Amino acid sequence: MGIQVLFKNRALFFIFFYEFLYCFILMCFLWMFFYEFLFFLLSFFYSGSRSFEIGFSGNICP
């Protein structure tokens, strides 16, 4: 019933849809940056110049 009302009021539906889409994309970007930062921090725990290879090339495999 609630979904039918939402579909009837098209403007409200689009507002909810774009709000959800915007939040989803924003969360994806935040997770991407978080993982990049995490791998960058982890790279410093490795010894020698190997850490910089892992950190900057994006190659996680040892």
N, C-alpha and C. Protein backbone atom coordinates (compact mmCIF):
# COMPACT_ATOMS: atom_id res chain seq x y z
N MET A 1 0.84 -1.19 0.00
CA MET A 1 0.00 0.00 0.00
C MET A 1 0.88 1.25 0.00
N GLY A 2 1.89 1.25 0.87
CA GLY A 2 2.79 2.39 0.95
C GLY A 2 3.56 2.60 -0.34
N ILE A 3 3.94 1.48 -1.00
CA ILE A 3 4.70 1.57 -2.25
C ILE A 3 3.83 2.15 -3.36
N GLN A 4 2.54 1.76 -3.37
CA GLN A 4 1.62 2.27 -4.38
C GLN A 4 1.45 3.78 -4.25
N VAL A 5 1.32 4.24 -3.02
CA VAL A 5 1.19 5.68 -2.77
C VAL A 5 2.46 6.40 -3.22
N LEU A 6 3.60 5.77 -2.95
CA LEU A 6 4.88 6.34 -3.35
C LEU A 6 4.98 6.44 -4.86
N PHE A 7 4.49 5.41 -5.56
CA PHE A 7 4.53 5.44 -7.02
C PHE A 7 3.54 6.45 -7.59
N LYS A 8 2.41 6.65 -6.89
CA LYS A 8 1.43 7.64 -7.34
C LYS A 8 2.02 9.05 -7.24
N ASN A 9 2.66 9.31 -6.12
CA ASN A 9 3.29 10.63 -5.96
C ASN A 9 4.70 10.53 -6.54
N ARG A 10 4.79 10.84 -7.82
CA ARG A 10 6.03 10.59 -8.57
C ARG A 10 7.18 11.46 -8.08
N ALA A 11 6.89 12.70 -7.73
CA ALA A 11 7.94 13.61 -7.27
C ALA A 11 8.58 13.08 -5.99
N LEU A 12 7.75 12.61 -5.06
CA LEU A 12 8.25 12.07 -3.80
C LEU A 12 9.11 10.83 -4.07
N PHE A 13 8.66 10.00 -5.01
CA PHE A 13 9.40 8.78 -5.35
C PHE A 13 10.78 9.13 -5.89
N PHE A 14 10.85 10.12 -6.79
CA PHE A 14 12.14 10.50 -7.36
C PHE A 14 13.06 11.10 -6.31
N ILE A 15 12.48 11.87 -5.38
CA ILE A 15 13.28 12.46 -4.30
C ILE A 15 13.90 11.34 -3.46
N PHE A 16 13.08 10.35 -3.08
CA PHE A 16 13.59 9.23 -2.30
C PHE A 16 14.63 8.43 -3.08
N PHE A 17 14.35 8.22 -4.37
CA PHE A 17 15.24 7.42 -5.21
C PHE A 17 16.61 8.07 -5.36
N TYR A 18 16.60 9.38 -5.67
CA TYR A 18 17.88 10.08 -5.85
C TYR A 18 18.62 10.24 -4.53
N GLU A 19 17.87 10.41 -3.44
CA GLU A 19 18.50 10.50 -2.12
C GLU A 19 19.23 9.20 -1.80
N PHE A 20 18.56 8.07 -2.07
CA PHE A 20 19.16 6.75 -1.83
C PHE A 20 20.37 6.53 -2.73
N LEU A 21 20.24 6.91 -4.01
CA LEU A 21 21.33 6.75 -4.97
C LEU A 21 22.54 7.58 -4.55
N TYR A 22 22.27 8.83 -4.14
CA TYR A 22 23.34 9.74 -3.72
C TYR A 22 24.07 9.18 -2.50
N CYS A 23 23.31 8.69 -1.52
CA CYS A 23 23.91 8.12 -0.31
C CYS A 23 24.74 6.88 -0.65
N PHE A 24 24.22 6.05 -1.57
CA PHE A 24 24.91 4.82 -1.96
C PHE A 24 26.25 5.14 -2.63
N ILE A 25 26.24 6.10 -3.56
CA ILE A 25 27.47 6.49 -4.26
C ILE A 25 28.46 7.12 -3.29
N LEU A 26 27.94 7.95 -2.38
CA LEU A 26 28.79 8.60 -1.38
C LEU A 26 29.45 7.56 -0.49
N MET A 27 28.67 6.55 -0.07
CA MET A 27 29.22 5.48 0.79
C MET A 27 30.30 4.69 0.04
N CYS A 28 30.05 4.42 -1.24
CA CYS A 28 31.04 3.69 -2.05
C CYS A 28 32.36 4.46 -2.12
N PHE A 29 32.26 5.77 -2.36
CA PHE A 29 33.47 6.59 -2.43
C PHE A 29 34.19 6.63 -1.09
N LEU A 30 33.40 6.73 0.00
CA LEU A 30 34.00 6.77 1.33
C LEU A 30 34.73 5.46 1.63
N TRP A 31 34.11 4.32 1.27
CA TRP A 31 34.75 3.02 1.50
C TRP A 31 36.02 2.88 0.67
N MET A 32 35.98 3.38 -0.58
CA MET A 32 37.16 3.32 -1.45
C MET A 32 38.32 4.10 -0.84
N PHE A 33 38.03 5.33 -0.40
CA PHE A 33 39.08 6.15 0.21
C PHE A 33 39.58 5.53 1.51
N PHE A 34 38.65 4.92 2.27
CA PHE A 34 39.02 4.30 3.54
C PHE A 34 39.98 3.13 3.30
N TYR A 35 39.66 2.29 2.30
CA TYR A 35 40.53 1.15 2.00
C TYR A 35 41.88 1.60 1.46
N GLU A 36 41.90 2.64 0.63
CA GLU A 36 43.16 3.18 0.12
C GLU A 36 44.03 3.67 1.28
N PHE A 37 43.41 4.38 2.21
CA PHE A 37 44.12 4.89 3.37
C PHE A 37 44.63 3.75 4.25
N LEU A 38 43.80 2.69 4.38
CA LEU A 38 44.17 1.52 5.19
C LEU A 38 45.38 0.81 4.59
N PHE A 39 45.37 0.60 3.27
CA PHE A 39 46.50 -0.06 2.62
C PHE A 39 47.75 0.81 2.66
N PHE A 40 47.53 2.15 2.58
CA PHE A 40 48.65 3.07 2.67
C PHE A 40 49.29 3.01 4.05
N LEU A 41 48.45 2.89 5.10
CA LEU A 41 48.98 2.76 6.46
C LEU A 41 49.67 1.41 6.65
N LEU A 42 49.06 0.36 6.09
CA LEU A 42 49.66 -0.97 6.21
C LEU A 42 51.00 -1.06 5.51
N SER A 43 51.16 -0.28 4.44
CA SER A 43 52.41 -0.31 3.68
C SER A 43 53.60 0.16 4.51
N PHE A 44 53.33 1.03 5.48
CA PHE A 44 54.42 1.53 6.32
C PHE A 44 54.92 0.49 7.31
N PHE A 45 54.10 -0.54 7.57
CA PHE A 45 54.53 -1.58 8.51
C PHE A 45 55.49 -2.57 7.87
N TYR A 46 55.51 -2.59 6.52
CA TYR A 46 56.50 -3.44 5.85
C TYR A 46 57.87 -2.79 5.93
N SER A 47 58.92 -3.59 5.83
CA SER A 47 60.27 -3.04 5.97
C SER A 47 60.89 -2.76 4.60
N GLY A 48 61.76 -1.75 4.55
CA GLY A 48 62.49 -1.45 3.32
C GLY A 48 61.67 -0.71 2.29
N SER A 49 62.15 -0.73 1.04
CA SER A 49 61.49 -0.02 -0.05
C SER A 49 60.31 -0.83 -0.60
N ARG A 50 60.16 -2.07 -0.11
CA ARG A 50 59.05 -2.90 -0.55
C ARG A 50 57.71 -2.26 -0.18
N SER A 51 57.69 -1.57 0.95
CA SER A 51 56.46 -0.92 1.41
C SER A 51 55.99 0.13 0.41
N PHE A 52 56.94 0.89 -0.14
CA PHE A 52 56.56 1.93 -1.09
C PHE A 52 56.06 1.32 -2.40
N GLU A 53 56.62 0.16 -2.76
CA GLU A 53 56.13 -0.52 -3.97
C GLU A 53 54.68 -0.95 -3.78
N ILE A 54 54.37 -1.54 -2.62
CA ILE A 54 53.01 -1.99 -2.35
C ILE A 54 52.07 -0.80 -2.22
N GLY A 55 52.54 0.27 -1.53
CA GLY A 55 51.68 1.41 -1.26
C GLY A 55 51.31 2.21 -2.49
N PHE A 56 52.25 2.40 -3.41
CA PHE A 56 52.01 3.32 -4.51
C PHE A 56 51.59 2.62 -5.81
N SER A 57 51.97 1.36 -5.98
CA SER A 57 51.57 0.68 -7.21
C SER A 57 50.18 0.07 -7.08
N GLY A 58 49.71 -0.13 -5.83
CA GLY A 58 48.41 -0.72 -5.62
C GLY A 58 48.43 -2.23 -5.70
N ASN A 59 49.63 -2.81 -5.78
CA ASN A 59 49.74 -4.26 -5.85
C ASN A 59 49.83 -4.83 -4.44
N ILE A 60 48.77 -5.56 -4.04
CA ILE A 60 48.69 -6.04 -2.67
C ILE A 60 49.47 -7.35 -2.51
N CYS A 61 49.60 -8.10 -3.59
CA CYS A 61 50.28 -9.40 -3.51
C CYS A 61 51.77 -9.23 -3.20
N PRO A 62 52.28 -10.01 -2.26
CA PRO A 62 53.70 -9.90 -1.91
C PRO A 62 54.63 -10.54 -2.96
